Amino acid sequence: FVNMCNASQDEEIPEGSRIVTSDDVFDFMLDLRAINQGVENKRSELKDEFYSMYQYATFWTSDMKDDETAYYRYIYFDQNDVLLGSADKESFGASVRCVRDE
């Protein structure tokens, strides 16, 4: 089969060049597939994160657990219970609950 091939070289081959083989193309396609899978995984992750944004709401209470931690209440859109949690005041995001002194 190789003897049936006829090739000629019109210009000098640049230094550092090489012949691209089918293995190179296959490896490239596998790498591209892995990149695409990574993009798909991240897209799915972000979609799940976006949809979970509207699953529940959190509100700070006026009670402290300790110097760094406060209690919060949270409620899911599809449940009747109001739940209690605690978190670091500096790193956890919850809606502000304003209470007026009487």
Protein backbone atom coordinates (compact mmCIF):
# COMPACT_ATOMS: atom_id res chain seq x y z
CA PHE A 1 0.00 0.00 0.00
CA VAL A 2 2.80 2.43 0.89
CA ASN A 3 4.41 1.82 -2.50
CA MET A 4 1.25 3.12 -4.15
CA CYS A 5 1.66 6.53 -2.46
CA ASN A 6 3.39 9.31 -4.36
CA ALA A 7 4.45 12.44 -2.46
CA SER A 8 6.76 15.31 -3.18
CA GLN A 9 8.16 18.10 -1.07
CA ASP A 10 8.02 21.59 -2.59
CA GLU A 11 9.29 23.53 0.44
CA GLU A 12 11.67 22.85 3.29
CA ILE A 13 9.99 21.40 6.37
CA PRO A 14 10.27 23.82 9.32
CA GLU A 15 12.42 22.70 12.23
CA GLY A 16 10.38 21.09 15.03
CA SER A 17 7.66 19.92 12.62
CA ARG A 18 6.41 16.36 12.66
CA ILE A 19 3.91 14.15 10.92
CA VAL A 20 0.46 14.08 12.49
CA THR A 21 -0.68 10.49 12.87
CA SER A 22 -4.11 8.99 13.41
CA ASP A 23 -3.05 8.35 17.02
CA ASP A 24 -2.46 12.09 17.42
CA VAL A 25 -5.92 12.84 16.07
CA PHE A 26 -7.49 10.18 18.30
CA ASP A 27 -5.68 11.54 21.39
CA PHE A 28 -6.82 15.06 20.47
CA MET A 29 -10.42 13.88 20.18
CA LEU A 30 -10.21 12.14 23.57
CA ASP A 31 -8.80 15.31 25.14
CA LEU A 32 -11.53 17.37 23.52
CA ARG A 33 -14.16 14.95 24.79
CA ALA A 34 -12.75 15.21 28.33
CA ILE A 35 -12.86 19.02 28.13
CA ASN A 36 -16.45 18.91 26.87
CA GLN A 37 -17.41 16.52 29.68
CA GLY A 38 -15.85 18.92 32.19
CA VAL A 39 -17.87 21.78 30.71
CA GLU A 40 -21.03 19.66 30.83
CA ASN A 41 -20.36 18.71 34.47
CA LYS A 42 -19.86 22.38 35.42
CA ARG A 43 -22.99 23.42 33.49
CA SER A 44 -25.01 20.78 35.32
CA GLU A 45 -23.52 21.87 38.65
CA LEU A 46 -24.38 25.53 38.02
CA LYS A 47 -27.89 24.62 36.86
CA ASP A 48 -28.50 22.64 40.06
CA GLU A 49 -27.11 25.52 42.12
CA PHE A 50 -29.39 27.99 40.32
CA TYR A 51 -32.50 25.86 40.81
CA SER A 52 -31.69 25.29 44.49
CA MET A 53 -31.57 29.06 45.05
CA TYR A 54 -35.35 29.16 45.19
CA GLN A 55 -35.83 26.04 47.29
CA TYR A 56 -35.64 27.73 50.69
CA ALA A 57 -35.18 31.05 52.47
CA THR A 58 -33.06 31.81 55.54
CA PHE A 59 -33.55 34.54 58.12
CA TRP A 60 -31.30 35.48 61.03
CA THR A 61 -32.84 35.36 64.49
CA SER A 62 -31.83 37.77 67.25
CA ASP A 63 -30.33 34.89 69.28
CA MET A 64 -26.62 34.12 69.46
CA LYS A 65 -25.23 30.63 69.94
CA ASP A 66 -21.78 32.01 70.95
CA ASP A 67 -19.56 34.99 70.08
CA GLU A 68 -19.10 33.97 66.42
CA THR A 69 -22.24 31.95 65.72
CA ALA A 70 -25.87 33.01 65.43
CA TYR A 71 -29.09 31.11 64.94
CA TYR A 72 -31.17 31.38 61.81
CA ARG A 73 -34.54 30.02 60.73
CA TYR A 74 -35.14 28.50 57.34
CA ILE A 75 -38.16 27.31 55.46
CA TYR A 76 -38.44 25.25 52.28
CA PHE A 77 -41.01 26.25 49.69
CA ASP A 78 -42.59 22.78 49.74
CA GLN A 79 -42.65 22.15 53.53
CA ASN A 80 -44.73 23.51 56.37
CA ASP A 81 -42.00 23.34 59.04
CA VAL A 82 -39.78 26.28 59.98
CA LEU A 83 -36.38 24.85 60.86
CA LEU A 84 -33.56 26.14 63.08
CA GLY A 85 -29.88 26.24 62.17
CA SER A 86 -26.73 28.01 63.29
CA ALA A 87 -23.83 29.43 61.34
CA ASP A 88 -20.83 31.72 61.48
CA LYS A 89 -22.10 35.29 61.25
CA GLU A 90 -19.22 36.40 59.03
CA SER A 91 -19.40 33.74 56.33
CA PHE A 92 -23.04 32.61 56.13
CA GLY A 93 -25.49 34.66 54.11
CA ALA A 94 -29.04 35.01 55.37
CA SER A 95 -31.68 37.67 55.00
CA VAL A 96 -31.66 40.35 57.66
CA ARG A 97 -34.47 40.26 60.15
CA CYS A 98 -35.24 43.70 61.51
CA VAL A 99 -36.93 43.88 64.89
CA ARG A 100 -38.21 47.13 66.36
CA ASP A 101 -37.80 47.73 70.09
CA GLU A 102 -41.00 48.73 71.78
